[in-house]
Amino acid sequence: MAAPLPSGSPAAGGSRTPVQLGQRIAVGVLVAVFLILRVVSPDIPGGLRYRLDPWVRQAAEAVAEKPGTAAKADALHEWLHDRQRREQWTHDGFGRLDWATAGARGGCRAFCETYAEIGNALGLRVRPVYTFWPTIGNPHYWVEIWDVENRRWHPCDVSAYERTWDTPWMHRVPKAVSLVPTSEPGSWAAHDQSQWEMLENTIGQHYPSGEVEVTVLERDRPLSGARVEVQVWLGDGMGGQAAGATKFVDPMLFSVLAGRTDTNGLVRFTLGYSAQQPYRIRLDVPGTSDWAWVAVHSNSLHRSTLRADRNRPYDLSASPPRLPWSIIKE
């Protein structure tokens, strides 16, 4: 009887099963597609997933030849809004709404998140921004784009078609904060749970703002790790002026920012200037806790002390004091 051939011999490797042949063919096809895309497609540094995506490839064709950050950002802005308007482009061969157009049609948050994802895939540095309008009671979203030429973050309200790179829109509506994701996993999703301390606040870079320094004491000693929350009060018919905007007849409090004290019992916030009423700061603990009103003027510093061993009742129906008050100029 002939001895079986060793598995490593040339004769043993000469025959392939159909499964092995199929695997080799599939790998060869993927390699060929990847090499072709590297040669004939626009530059899409975001990875193979985006290089294979037809919508990102279309965006790349619109952006690739534009000179400079501003021109590229505006080209992507125009392309995404064009997809939003021209519905004959919005479905694939199976009648499914493509993800880029679905994002463009989903309101300011979905539009900005879609813009950021495509922009980052194309080599721009884009991050979504959450803000709160303290005189209207609504959140809003825009993006910040890294301006390569000027080496700074540039705010763009991309969900509005008429607002391009150079549009002076930032001061149009009062703003309390502008929060962007950090490098920590889950940072952006944290704002859905009002975990504001997991995001970075950039309001001072783009909008008239002031500083609020809060000291937390317990039995006259600094308390570290205490969570301090910043709130906005709306009532007395406050709200937006546009048709259909909410009017707050019954008072409401909105959480807009939070932080934890350091080993010295200190936490510091940057807040947009108070436009109609002061902010409310409070110790975030169960039950009744200490709190204070803080009026913020641009380029101002306000210091306040909260005590963990003091319970201060709060009447939501009582309107905040008039502005301005309790401002310490730097």
C-alpha atoms as a PDB file:
ATOM      1  CA  MET A   1       0.000   0.000   0.000  1.00  0.00           C
ATOM      2  CA  ALA A   2       1.287   3.431  -0.935  1.00  0.00           C
ATOM      3  CA  ALA A   3       2.061   5.769   1.954  1.00  0.00           C
ATOM      4  CA  PRO A   4      -0.153   8.923   2.172  1.00  0.00           C
ATOM      5  CA  LEU A   5       1.449  12.127   0.943  1.00  0.00           C
ATOM      6  CA  PRO A   6       2.495  14.648   3.593  1.00  0.00           C
ATOM      7  CA  SER A   7       0.145  17.585   3.864  1.00  0.00           C
ATOM      8  CA  GLY A   8       2.909  20.037   2.945  1.00  0.00           C
ATOM      9  CA  SER A   9       3.964  18.244  -0.266  1.00  0.00           C
ATOM     10  CA  PRO A  10       3.282  19.858  -3.692  1.00  0.00           C
ATOM     11  CA  ALA A  11       0.992  17.017  -4.715  1.00  0.00           C
ATOM     12  CA  ALA A  12      -1.174  17.398  -1.607  1.00  0.00           C
ATOM     13  CA  GLY A  13      -1.742  21.096  -2.284  1.00  0.00           C
ATOM     14  CA  GLY A  14      -2.588  20.598  -5.932  1.00  0.00           C
ATOM     15  CA  SER A  15      -6.290  19.904  -5.381  1.00  0.00           C
ATOM     16  CA  ARG A  16      -8.664  22.436  -3.832  1.00  0.00           C
ATOM     17  CA  THR A  17     -12.166  21.931  -2.568  1.00  0.00           C
ATOM     18  CA  PRO A  18     -14.932  24.151  -3.991  1.00  0.00           C
ATOM     19  CA  VAL A  19     -15.137  26.008  -0.682  1.00  0.00           C
ATOM     20  CA  GLN A  20     -11.422  26.825  -0.745  1.00  0.00           C
ATOM     21  CA  LEU A  21     -11.597  27.974  -4.346  1.00  0.00           C
ATOM     22  CA  GLY A  22     -14.590  30.182  -3.525  1.00  0.00           C
ATOM     23  CA  GLN A  23     -12.748  31.756  -0.614  1.00  0.00           C
ATOM     24  CA  ARG A  24      -9.707  32.496  -2.764  1.00  0.00           C
ATOM     25  CA  ILE A  25     -11.847  34.041  -5.491  1.00  0.00           C
ATOM     26  CA  ALA A  26     -13.716  36.208  -2.988  1.00  0.00           C
ATOM     27  CA  VAL A  27     -10.462  37.480  -1.472  1.00  0.00           C
ATOM     28  CA  GLY A  28      -9.087  38.184  -4.926  1.00  0.00           C
ATOM     29  CA  VAL A  29     -12.183  40.156  -5.902  1.00  0.00           C
ATOM     30  CA  LEU A  30     -12.054  42.251  -2.716  1.00  0.00           C
ATOM     31  CA  VAL A  31      -8.357  42.999  -3.236  1.00  0.00           C
ATOM     32  CA  ALA A  32      -9.009  43.977  -6.857  1.00  0.00           C
ATOM     33  CA  VAL A  33     -11.912  46.257  -5.881  1.00  0.00           C
ATOM     34  CA  PHE A  34      -9.832  47.901  -3.187  1.00  0.00           C
ATOM     35  CA  LEU A  35      -6.913  48.521  -5.570  1.00  0.00           C
ATOM     36  CA  ILE A  36      -9.223  49.939  -8.238  1.00  0.00           C
ATOM     37  CA  LEU A  37     -10.842  52.272  -5.734  1.00  0.00           C
ATOM     38  CA  ARG A  38      -7.426  53.433  -4.578  1.00  0.00           C
ATOM     39  CA  VAL A  39      -6.560  54.396  -8.144  1.00  0.00           C
ATOM     40  CA  VAL A  40      -9.762  55.793  -9.673  1.00  0.00           C
ATOM     41  CA  SER A  41     -11.756  57.173  -6.708  1.00  0.00           C
ATOM     42  CA  PRO A  42     -11.392  60.595  -5.072  1.00  0.00           C
ATOM     43  CA  ASP A  43      -9.301  60.798  -1.950  1.00  0.00           C
ATOM     44  CA  ILE A  44     -11.416  59.369   0.903  1.00  0.00           C
ATOM     45  CA  PRO A  45      -9.116  58.907   3.904  1.00  0.00           C
ATOM     46  CA  GLY A  46     -11.927  57.707   6.171  1.00  0.00           C
ATOM     47  CA  GLY A  47     -11.411  54.008   5.359  1.00  0.00           C
ATOM     48  CA  LEU A  48     -12.742  51.267   3.096  1.00  0.00           C
ATOM     49  CA  ARG A  49     -16.299  51.517   4.448  1.00  0.00           C
ATOM     50  CA  TYR A  50     -16.585  55.087   3.171  1.00  0.00           C
ATOM     51  CA  ARG A  51     -14.591  54.411  -0.003  1.00  0.00           C
ATOM     52  CA  LEU A  52     -17.179  51.778  -0.956  1.00  0.00           C
ATOM     53  CA  ASP A  53     -20.134  54.006  -0.051  1.00  0.00           C
ATOM     54  CA  PRO A  54     -21.639  55.598  -3.200  1.00  0.00           C
ATOM     55  CA  TRP A  55     -22.955  58.628  -1.306  1.00  0.00           C
ATOM     56  CA  VAL A  56     -19.597  59.451   0.240  1.00  0.00           C
ATOM     57  CA  ARG A  57     -17.959  59.011  -3.166  1.00  0.00           C
ATOM     58  CA  GLN A  58     -20.391  61.538  -4.637  1.00  0.00           C
ATOM     59  CA  ALA A  59     -19.600  63.965  -1.829  1.00  0.00           C
ATOM     60  CA  ALA A  60     -15.880  63.447  -2.409  1.00  0.00           C
ATOM     61  CA  GLU A  61     -16.272  64.351  -6.066  1.00  0.00           C
ATOM     62  CA  ALA A  62     -17.994  67.609  -5.041  1.00  0.00           C
ATOM     63  CA  VAL A  63     -15.368  68.497  -2.434  1.00  0.00           C
ATOM     64  CA  ALA A  64     -12.053  67.145  -3.751  1.00  0.00           C
ATOM     65  CA  GLU A  65     -11.011  69.987  -6.066  1.00  0.00           C
ATOM     66  CA  LYS A  66     -12.010  72.843  -3.755  1.00  0.00           C
ATOM     67  CA  PRO A  67      -9.068  74.892  -2.394  1.00  0.00           C
ATOM     68  CA  GLY A  68      -8.892  75.438   1.364  1.00  0.00           C
ATOM     69  CA  THR A  69     -11.022  74.487   4.348  1.00  0.00           C
ATOM     70  CA  ALA A  70     -13.772  77.063   3.808  1.00  0.00           C
ATOM     71  CA  ALA A  71     -14.361  76.103   0.170  1.00  0.00           C
ATOM     72  CA  LYS A  72     -14.415  72.374   0.993  1.00  0.00           C
ATOM     73  CA  ALA A  73     -16.811  72.928   3.919  1.00  0.00           C
ATOM     74  CA  ASP A  74     -19.179  74.988   1.770  1.00  0.00           C
ATOM     75  CA  ALA A  75     -19.051  72.416  -1.038  1.00  0.00           C
ATOM     76  CA  LEU A  76     -20.090  69.646   1.356  1.00  0.00           C
ATOM     77  CA  HIS A  77     -22.778  71.956   2.793  1.00  0.00           C
ATOM     78  CA  GLU A  78     -24.214  72.575  -0.684  1.00  0.00           C
ATOM     79  CA  TRP A  79     -23.994  68.903  -1.698  1.00  0.00           C
ATOM     80  CA  LEU A  80     -25.844  67.665   1.406  1.00  0.00           C
ATOM     81  CA  HIS A  81     -28.572  70.300   1.115  1.00  0.00           C
ATOM     82  CA  ASP A  82     -28.913  69.408  -2.557  1.00  0.00           C
ATOM     83  CA  ARG A  83     -29.572  65.806  -1.569  1.00  0.00           C
ATOM     84  CA  GLN A  84     -32.162  67.054   0.888  1.00  0.00           C
ATOM     85  CA  ARG A  85     -34.058  68.951  -1.810  1.00  0.00           C
ATOM     86  CA  ARG A  86     -33.760  66.633  -4.838  1.00  0.00           C
ATOM     87  CA  GLU A  87     -35.709  63.572  -3.787  1.00  0.00           C
ATOM     88  CA  GLN A  88     -35.067  61.716  -7.057  1.00  0.00           C
ATOM     89  CA  TRP A  89     -31.540  61.143  -5.707  1.00  0.00           C
ATOM     90  CA  THR A  90     -32.577  59.834  -2.335  1.00  0.00           C
ATOM     91  CA  HIS A  91     -33.300  56.141  -2.964  1.00  0.00           C
ATOM     92  CA  ASP A  92     -31.196  53.191  -4.031  1.00  0.00           C
ATOM     93  CA  GLY A  93     -32.204  50.453  -6.483  1.00  0.00           C
ATOM     94  CA  PHE A  94     -34.310  48.746  -3.830  1.00  0.00           C
ATOM     95  CA  GLY A  95     -36.289  51.873  -2.947  1.00  0.00           C
ATOM     96  CA  ARG A  96     -34.475  52.397   0.356  1.00  0.00           C
ATOM     97  CA  LEU A  97     -33.693  55.897   1.589  1.00  0.00           C
ATOM     98  CA  ASP A  98     -29.925  56.336   1.617  1.00  0.00           C
ATOM     99  CA  TRP A  99     -28.340  57.187   4.951  1.00  0.00           C
ATOM    100  CA  ALA A 100     -26.938  60.547   3.817  1.00  0.00           C
ATOM    101  CA  THR A 101     -30.322  61.865   2.728  1.00  0.00           C
ATOM    102  CA  ALA A 102     -32.057  60.364   5.757  1.00  0.00           C
ATOM    103  CA  GLY A 103     -29.667  62.379   7.927  1.00  0.00           C
ATOM    104  CA  ALA A 104     -30.164  65.527   5.878  1.00  0.00           C
ATOM    105  CA  ARG A 105     -33.928  65.294   6.342  1.00  0.00           C
ATOM    106  CA  GLY A 106     -33.837  64.509  10.071  1.00  0.00           C
ATOM    107  CA  GLY A 107     -33.642  67.995  11.612  1.00  0.00           C
ATOM    108  CA  CYS A 108     -30.665  70.022  12.771  1.00  0.00           C
ATOM    109  CA  ARG A 109     -29.141  67.274  14.928  1.00  0.00           C
ATOM    110  CA  ALA A 110     -29.310  64.526  12.300  1.00  0.00           C
ATOM    111  CA  PHE A 111     -28.097  66.910   9.589  1.00  0.00           C
ATOM    112  CA  CYS A 112     -25.085  68.015  11.642  1.00  0.00           C
ATOM    113  CA  GLU A 113     -24.160  64.469  12.669  1.00  0.00           C
ATOM    114  CA  THR A 114     -24.373  63.356   9.018  1.00  0.00           C
ATOM    115  CA  TYR A 115     -22.330  66.352   7.884  1.00  0.00           C
ATOM    116  CA  ALA A 116     -19.697  65.573  10.532  1.00  0.00           C
ATOM    117  CA  GLU A 117     -19.475  61.890   9.579  1.00  0.00           C
ATOM    118  CA  ILE A 118     -19.060  62.575   5.868  1.00  0.00           C
ATOM    119  CA  GLY A 119     -16.730  65.524   6.464  1.00  0.00           C
ATOM    120  CA  ASN A 120     -14.430  63.456   8.676  1.00  0.00           C
ATOM    121  CA  ALA A 121     -14.437  60.657   6.084  1.00  0.00           C
ATOM    122  CA  LEU A 122     -13.270  63.192   3.484  1.00  0.00           C
ATOM    123  CA  GLY A 123     -10.407  64.487   5.617  1.00  0.00           C
ATOM    124  CA  LEU A 124     -12.027  67.519   7.222  1.00  0.00           C
ATOM    125  CA  ARG A 125     -11.993  67.696  11.038  1.00  0.00           C
ATOM    126  CA  VAL A 126     -15.623  68.191  12.039  1.00  0.00           C
ATOM    127  CA  ARG A 127     -17.375  67.814  15.381  1.00  0.00           C
ATOM    128  CA  PRO A 128     -21.080  68.280  16.185  1.00  0.00           C
ATOM    129  CA  VAL A 129     -22.092  70.959  18.688  1.00  0.00           C
ATOM    130  CA  TYR A 130     -25.053  71.045  21.090  1.00  0.00           C
ATOM    131  CA  THR A 131     -26.330  74.385  22.366  1.00  0.00           C
ATOM    132  CA  PHE A 132     -29.271  75.592  24.432  1.00  0.00           C
ATOM    133  CA  TRP A 133     -31.193  78.802  23.720  1.00  0.00           C
ATOM    134  CA  PRO A 134     -31.963  80.198  27.207  1.00  0.00           C
ATOM    135  CA  THR A 135     -34.586  82.698  26.007  1.00  0.00           C
ATOM    136  CA  ILE A 136     -36.468  80.203  23.818  1.00  0.00           C
ATOM    137  CA  GLY A 137     -36.174  76.914  25.689  1.00  0.00           C
ATOM    138  CA  ASN A 138     -34.915  74.846  22.750  1.00  0.00           C
ATOM    139  CA  PRO A 139     -31.699  72.990  22.007  1.00  0.00           C
ATOM    140  CA  HIS A 140     -29.992  73.467  18.655  1.00  0.00           C
ATOM    141  CA  TYR A 141     -27.100  71.819  16.823  1.00  0.00           C
ATOM    142  CA  TRP A 142     -24.368  73.099  14.547  1.00  0.00           C
ATOM    143  CA  VAL A 143     -20.795  71.953  13.781  1.00  0.00           C
ATOM    144  CA  GLU A 144     -17.280  73.169  14.420  1.00  0.00           C
ATOM    145  CA  ILE A 145     -14.758  72.647  11.593  1.00  0.00           C
ATOM    146  CA  TRP A 146     -11.010  72.837  12.109  1.00  0.00           C
ATOM    147  CA  ASP A 147      -9.771  75.757   9.987  1.00  0.00           C
ATOM    148  CA  VAL A 148      -6.429  74.450   8.733  1.00  0.00           C
ATOM    149  CA  GLU A 149      -5.264  77.807   7.414  1.00  0.00           C
ATOM    150  CA  ASN A 150      -6.016  79.770  10.619  1.00  0.00           C
ATOM    151  CA  ARG A 151      -5.502  76.862  13.053  1.00  0.00           C
ATOM    152  CA  ARG A 152      -8.717  77.267  15.020  1.00  0.00           C
ATOM    153  CA  TRP A 153     -12.217  75.777  15.287  1.00  0.00           C
ATOM    154  CA  HIS A 154     -14.740  77.585  13.107  1.00  0.00           C
ATOM    155  CA  PRO A 155     -18.502  77.360  13.918  1.00  0.00           C
ATOM    156  CA  CYS A 156     -20.875  76.655  11.010  1.00  0.00           C
ATOM    157  CA  ASP A 157     -24.675  76.429  11.260  1.00  0.00           C
ATOM    158  CA  VAL A 158     -24.766  73.883   8.431  1.00  0.00           C
ATOM    159  CA  SER A 159     -28.363  72.709   8.853  1.00  0.00           C
ATOM    160  CA  ALA A 160     -29.519  76.139   7.584  1.00  0.00           C
ATOM    161  CA  TYR A 161     -29.105  76.291   3.802  1.00  0.00           C
ATOM    162  CA  GLU A 162     -28.437  80.038   3.644  1.00  0.00           C
ATOM    163  CA  ARG A 163     -25.658  79.966   6.286  1.00  0.00           C
ATOM    164  CA  THR A 164     -22.312  79.241   4.704  1.00  0.00           C
ATOM    165  CA  TRP A 165     -18.782  79.515   6.118  1.00  0.00           C
ATOM    166  CA  ASP A 166     -18.710  83.318   6.305  1.00  0.00           C
ATOM    167  CA  THR A 167     -22.302  83.934   7.456  1.00  0.00           C
ATOM    168  CA  PRO A 168     -22.314  86.016  10.708  1.00  0.00           C
ATOM    169  CA  TRP A 169     -25.027  84.056  12.528  1.00  0.00           C
ATOM    170  CA  MET A 170     -23.546  83.343  15.978  1.00  0.00           C
ATOM    171  CA  HIS A 171     -25.052  86.365  17.787  1.00  0.00           C
ATOM    172  CA  ARG A 172     -28.520  86.003  16.303  1.00  0.00           C
ATOM    173  CA  VAL A 173     -29.998  84.031  19.246  1.00  0.00           C
ATOM    174  CA  PRO A 174     -28.706  84.080  22.877  1.00  0.00           C
ATOM    175  CA  LYS A 175     -26.851  80.910  23.841  1.00  0.00           C
ATOM    176  CA  ALA A 176     -26.045  79.355  27.200  1.00  0.00           C
ATOM    177  CA  VAL A 177     -23.441  76.737  26.227  1.00  0.00           C
ATOM    178  CA  SER A 178     -21.884  75.038  23.208  1.00  0.00           C
ATOM    179  CA  LEU A 179     -20.944  71.454  24.002  1.00  0.00           C
ATOM    180  CA  VAL A 180     -18.768  69.221  21.820  1.00  0.00           C
ATOM    181  CA  PRO A 181     -17.720  65.572  22.227  1.00  0.00           C
ATOM    182  CA  THR A 182     -14.368  64.692  23.752  1.00  0.00           C
ATOM    183  CA  SER A 183     -12.113  61.748  22.944  1.00  0.00           C
ATOM    184  CA  GLU A 184     -13.813  59.661  25.643  1.00  0.00           C
ATOM    185  CA  PRO A 185     -16.040  56.841  24.268  1.00  0.00           C
ATOM    186  CA  GLY A 186     -19.724  57.669  24.563  1.00  0.00           C
ATOM    187  CA  SER A 187     -19.051  61.355  25.181  1.00  0.00           C
ATOM    188  CA  TRP A 188     -21.465  62.643  22.516  1.00  0.00           C
ATOM    189  CA  ALA A 189     -24.281  60.325  23.585  1.00  0.00           C
ATOM    190  CA  ALA A 190     -23.919  61.557  27.174  1.00  0.00           C
ATOM    191  CA  HIS A 191     -25.774  64.789  26.431  1.00  0.00           C
ATOM    192  CA  ASP A 192     -28.960  62.783  25.904  1.00  0.00           C
ATOM    193  CA  GLN A 193     -28.797  61.962  29.631  1.00  0.00           C
ATOM    194  CA  SER A 194     -27.767  65.512  30.634  1.00  0.00           C
ATOM    195  CA  GLN A 195     -24.316  64.239  31.642  1.00  0.00           C
ATOM    196  CA  TRP A 196     -22.831  67.580  30.644  1.00  0.00           C
ATOM    197  CA  GLU A 197     -19.534  67.037  32.453  1.00  0.00           C
ATOM    198  CA  MET A 198     -18.579  64.421  29.834  1.00  0.00           C
ATOM    199  CA  LEU A 199     -18.496  67.074  27.085  1.00  0.00           C
ATOM    200  CA  GLU A 200     -16.269  70.074  26.393  1.00  0.00           C
ATOM    201  CA  ASN A 201     -17.831  73.546  26.560  1.00  0.00           C
ATOM    202  CA  THR A 202     -16.522  75.903  23.843  1.00  0.00           C
ATOM    203  CA  ILE A 203     -18.972  78.801  24.297  1.00  0.00           C
ATOM    204  CA  GLY A 204     -16.179  81.161  25.351  1.00  0.00           C
ATOM    205  CA  GLN A 205     -14.392  80.738  22.010  1.00  0.00           C
ATOM    206  CA  HIS A 206     -17.243  82.019  19.846  1.00  0.00           C
ATOM    207  CA  TYR A 207     -19.779  83.940  21.947  1.00  0.00           C
ATOM    208  CA  PRO A 208     -19.802  86.708  24.624  1.00  0.00           C
ATOM    209  CA  SER A 209     -19.426  84.788  27.868  1.00  0.00           C
ATOM    210  CA  GLY A 210     -18.494  85.069  31.522  1.00  0.00           C
ATOM    211  CA  GLU A 211     -17.005  82.830  34.197  1.00  0.00           C
ATOM    212  CA  VAL A 212     -18.800  81.368  37.214  1.00  0.00           C
ATOM    213  CA  GLU A 213     -16.705  79.972  40.062  1.00  0.00           C
ATOM    214  CA  VAL A 214     -18.584  77.892  42.628  1.00  0.00           C
ATOM    215  CA  THR A 215     -17.199  76.755  45.970  1.00  0.00           C
ATOM    216  CA  VAL A 216     -18.929  73.874  47.763  1.00  0.00           C
ATOM    217  CA  LEU A 217     -18.460  73.568  51.505  1.00  0.00           C
ATOM    218  CA  GLU A 218     -19.556  71.008  54.055  1.00  0.00           C
ATOM    219  CA  ARG A 219     -19.232  72.137  57.663  1.00  0.00           C
ATOM    220  CA  ASP A 220     -17.013  74.972  56.383  1.00  0.00           C
ATOM    221  CA  ARG A 221     -14.616  72.566  54.692  1.00  0.00           C
ATOM    222  CA  PRO A 222     -14.161  72.178  50.915  1.00  0.00           C
ATOM    223  CA  LEU A 223     -16.149  69.275  49.507  1.00  0.00           C
ATOM    224  CA  SER A 224     -14.552  67.500  46.545  1.00  0.00           C
ATOM    225  CA  GLY A 225     -16.512  65.481  43.973  1.00  0.00           C
ATOM    226  CA  ALA A 226     -19.782  67.372  44.500  1.00  0.00           C
ATOM    227  CA  ARG A 227     -21.850  67.735  41.334  1.00  0.00           C
ATOM    228  CA  VAL A 228     -23.036  71.276  40.650  1.00  0.00           C
ATOM    229  CA  GLU A 229     -25.718  71.805  38.012  1.00  0.00           C
ATOM    230  CA  VAL A 230     -26.538  74.932  35.999  1.00  0.00           C
ATOM    231  CA  GLN A 231     -30.177  75.496  35.078  1.00  0.00           C
ATOM    232  CA  VAL A 232     -32.222  77.919  32.977  1.00  0.00           C
ATOM    233  CA  TRP A 233     -35.661  79.121  34.139  1.00  0.00           C
ATOM    234  CA  LEU A 234     -38.393  79.892  31.607  1.00  0.00           C
ATOM    235  CA  GLY A 235     -41.888  81.114  32.406  1.00  0.00           C
ATOM    236  CA  ASP A 236     -44.147  84.191  32.292  1.00  0.00           C
ATOM    237  CA  GLY A 237     -44.854  83.554  28.607  1.00  0.00           C
ATOM    238  CA  MET A 238     -41.180  83.398  27.583  1.00  0.00           C
ATOM    239  CA  GLY A 239     -40.321  81.426  24.473  1.00  0.00           C
ATOM    240  CA  GLY A 240     -39.646  81.743  20.762  1.00  0.00           C
ATOM    241  CA  GLN A 241     -41.097  84.454  18.540  1.00  0.00           C
ATOM    242  CA  ALA A 242     -41.572  82.290  15.429  1.00  0.00           C
ATOM    243  CA  ALA A 243     -44.981  80.947  14.464  1.00  0.00           C
ATOM    244  CA  GLY A 244     -45.775  77.829  16.470  1.00  0.00           C
ATOM    245  CA  ALA A 245     -42.951  78.380  18.965  1.00  0.00           C
ATOM    246  CA  THR A 246     -43.495  77.187  22.535  1.00  0.00           C
ATOM    247  CA  LYS A 247     -44.585  79.776  25.086  1.00  0.00           C
ATOM    248  CA  PHE A 248     -43.809  78.823  28.689  1.00  0.00           C
ATOM    249  CA  VAL A 249     -46.849  79.895  30.674  1.00  0.00           C
ATOM    250  CA  ASP A 250     -46.114  77.314  33.378  1.00  0.00           C
ATOM    251  CA  PRO A 251     -42.520  77.754  34.622  1.00  0.00           C
ATOM    252  CA  MET A 252     -39.922  75.091  33.768  1.00  0.00           C
ATOM    253  CA  LEU A 253     -36.266  74.519  34.625  1.00  0.00           C
ATOM    254  CA  PHE A 254     -33.828  73.211  31.998  1.00  0.00           C
ATOM    255  CA  SER A 255     -30.470  71.661  32.848  1.00  0.00           C
ATOM    256  CA  VAL A 256     -27.709  73.084  30.605  1.00  0.00           C
ATOM    257  CA  LEU A 257     -24.349  72.342  32.264  1.00  0.00           C
ATOM    258  CA  ALA A 258     -22.782  70.501  35.195  1.00  0.00           C
ATOM    259  CA  GLY A 259     -19.407  69.827  36.752  1.00  0.00           C
ATOM    260  CA  ARG A 260     -17.766  68.306  39.800  1.00  0.00           C
ATOM    261  CA  THR A 261     -15.695  70.104  42.398  1.00  0.00           C
ATOM    262  CA  ASP A 262     -11.954  69.544  42.664  1.00  0.00           C
ATOM    263  CA  THR A 263      -9.998  68.816  45.840  1.00  0.00           C
ATOM    264  CA  ASN A 264     -10.381  72.469  46.845  1.00  0.00           C
ATOM    265  CA  GLY A 265     -14.152  72.277  46.533  1.00  0.00           C
ATOM    266  CA  LEU A 266     -14.104  74.453  43.385  1.00  0.00           C
ATOM    267  CA  VAL A 267     -15.813  74.053  40.013  1.00  0.00           C
ATOM    268  CA  ARG A 268     -15.724  76.637  37.234  1.00  0.00           C
ATOM    269  CA  PHE A 269     -18.157  77.181  34.369  1.00  0.00           C
ATOM    270  CA  THR A 270     -18.150  79.349  31.252  1.00  0.00           C
ATOM    271  CA  LEU A 271     -21.654  80.522  30.335  1.00  0.00           C
ATOM    272  CA  GLY A 272     -23.120  82.730  27.653  1.00  0.00           C
ATOM    273  CA  TYR A 273     -24.107  86.128  28.999  1.00  0.00           C
ATOM    274  CA  SER A 274     -27.502  86.286  30.724  1.00  0.00           C
ATOM    275  CA  ALA A 275     -29.943  87.714  28.176  1.00  0.00           C
ATOM    276  CA  GLN A 276     -33.253  87.810  30.101  1.00  0.00           C
ATOM    277  CA  GLN A 277     -32.759  86.135  33.463  1.00  0.00           C
ATOM    278  CA  PRO A 278     -29.916  84.805  35.618  1.00  0.00           C
ATOM    279  CA  TYR A 279     -28.863  81.186  35.700  1.00  0.00           C
ATOM    280  CA  ARG A 280     -29.698  78.976  38.666  1.00  0.00           C
ATOM    281  CA  ILE A 281     -26.883  76.893  40.166  1.00  0.00           C
ATOM    282  CA  ARG A 282     -27.657  74.063  42.559  1.00  0.00           C
ATOM    283  CA  LEU A 283     -26.077  71.131  44.323  1.00  0.00           C
ATOM    284  CA  ASP A 284     -27.218  68.035  42.464  1.00  0.00           C
ATOM    285  CA  VAL A 285     -28.264  65.827  45.373  1.00  0.00           C
ATOM    286  CA  PRO A 286     -31.571  64.103  46.178  1.00  0.00           C
ATOM    287  CA  GLY A 287     -34.118  66.216  47.965  1.00  0.00           C
ATOM    288  CA  THR A 288     -33.830  69.895  48.839  1.00  0.00           C
ATOM    289  CA  SER A 289     -30.355  71.361  48.407  1.00  0.00           C
ATOM    290  CA  ASP A 290     -28.574  74.682  48.410  1.00  0.00           C
ATOM    291  CA  TRP A 291     -28.803  76.885  45.313  1.00  0.00           C
ATOM    292  CA  ALA A 292     -28.233  80.442  44.070  1.00  0.00           C
ATOM    293  CA  TRP A 293     -29.011  82.788  41.166  1.00  0.00           C
ATOM    294  CA  VAL A 294     -26.067  83.833  38.995  1.00  0.00           C
ATOM    295  CA  ALA A 295     -26.241  86.688  36.482  1.00  0.00           C
ATOM    296  CA  VAL A 296     -23.490  86.428  33.856  1.00  0.00           C
ATOM    297  CA  HIS A 297     -22.110  89.412  31.951  1.00  0.00           C
ATOM    298  CA  SER A 298     -19.543  89.150  29.181  1.00  0.00           C
ATOM    299  CA  ASN A 299     -15.922  89.144  30.428  1.00  0.00           C
ATOM    300  CA  SER A 300     -17.078  88.915  34.043  1.00  0.00           C
ATOM    301  CA  LEU A 301     -16.373  86.636  36.969  1.00  0.00           C
ATOM    302  CA  HIS A 302     -19.005  85.655  39.507  1.00  0.00           C
ATOM    303  CA  ARG A 303     -18.144  83.718  42.660  1.00  0.00           C
ATOM    304  CA  SER A 304     -20.731  81.829  44.651  1.00  0.00           C
ATOM    305  CA  THR A 305     -20.693  79.430  47.591  1.00  0.00           C
ATOM    306  CA  LEU A 306     -23.019  76.476  48.083  1.00  0.00           C
ATOM    307  CA  ARG A 307     -23.216  74.499  51.303  1.00  0.00           C
ATOM    308  CA  ALA A 308     -23.862  70.776  51.330  1.00  0.00           C
ATOM    309  CA  ASP A 309     -25.204  70.969  54.904  1.00  0.00           C
ATOM    310  CA  ARG A 310     -27.819  73.615  54.069  1.00  0.00           C
ATOM    311  CA  ASN A 311     -31.272  72.982  52.598  1.00  0.00           C
ATOM    312  CA  ARG A 312     -32.765  75.974  50.812  1.00  0.00           C
ATOM    313  CA  PRO A 313     -36.383  75.626  49.639  1.00  0.00           C
ATOM    314  CA  TYR A 314     -37.077  76.678  46.071  1.00  0.00           C
ATOM    315  CA  ASP A 315     -40.337  78.000  44.600  1.00  0.00           C
ATOM    316  CA  LEU A 316     -40.461  77.240  40.860  1.00  0.00           C
ATOM    317  CA  SER A 317     -43.343  79.666  40.334  1.00  0.00           C
ATOM    318  CA  ALA A 318     -41.300  82.630  41.608  1.00  0.00           C
ATOM    319  CA  SER A 319     -39.664  84.592  38.771  1.00  0.00           C
ATOM    320  CA  PRO A 320     -35.890  85.109  38.938  1.00  0.00           C
ATOM    321  CA  PRO A 321     -34.550  88.511  40.019  1.00  0.00           C
ATOM    322  CA  ARG A 322     -33.992  91.225  37.454  1.00  0.00           C
ATOM    323  CA  LEU A 323     -30.705  91.673  35.600  1.00  0.00           C
ATOM    324  CA  PRO A 324     -27.988  92.681  36.226  1.00  0.00           C
ATOM    325  CA  TRP A 325     -26.914  91.771  39.737  1.00  0.00           C
ATOM    326  CA  SER A 326     -24.112  90.093  41.729  1.00  0.00           C
ATOM    327  CA  ILE A 327     -21.394  90.652  39.131  1.00  0.00           C
ATOM    328  CA  ILE A 328     -17.721  90.822  40.105  1.00  0.00           C
ATOM    329  CA  LYS A 329     -15.690  92.437  37.320  1.00  0.00           C
ATOM    330  CA  GLU A 330     -12.311  90.945  36.519  1.00  0.00           C
END
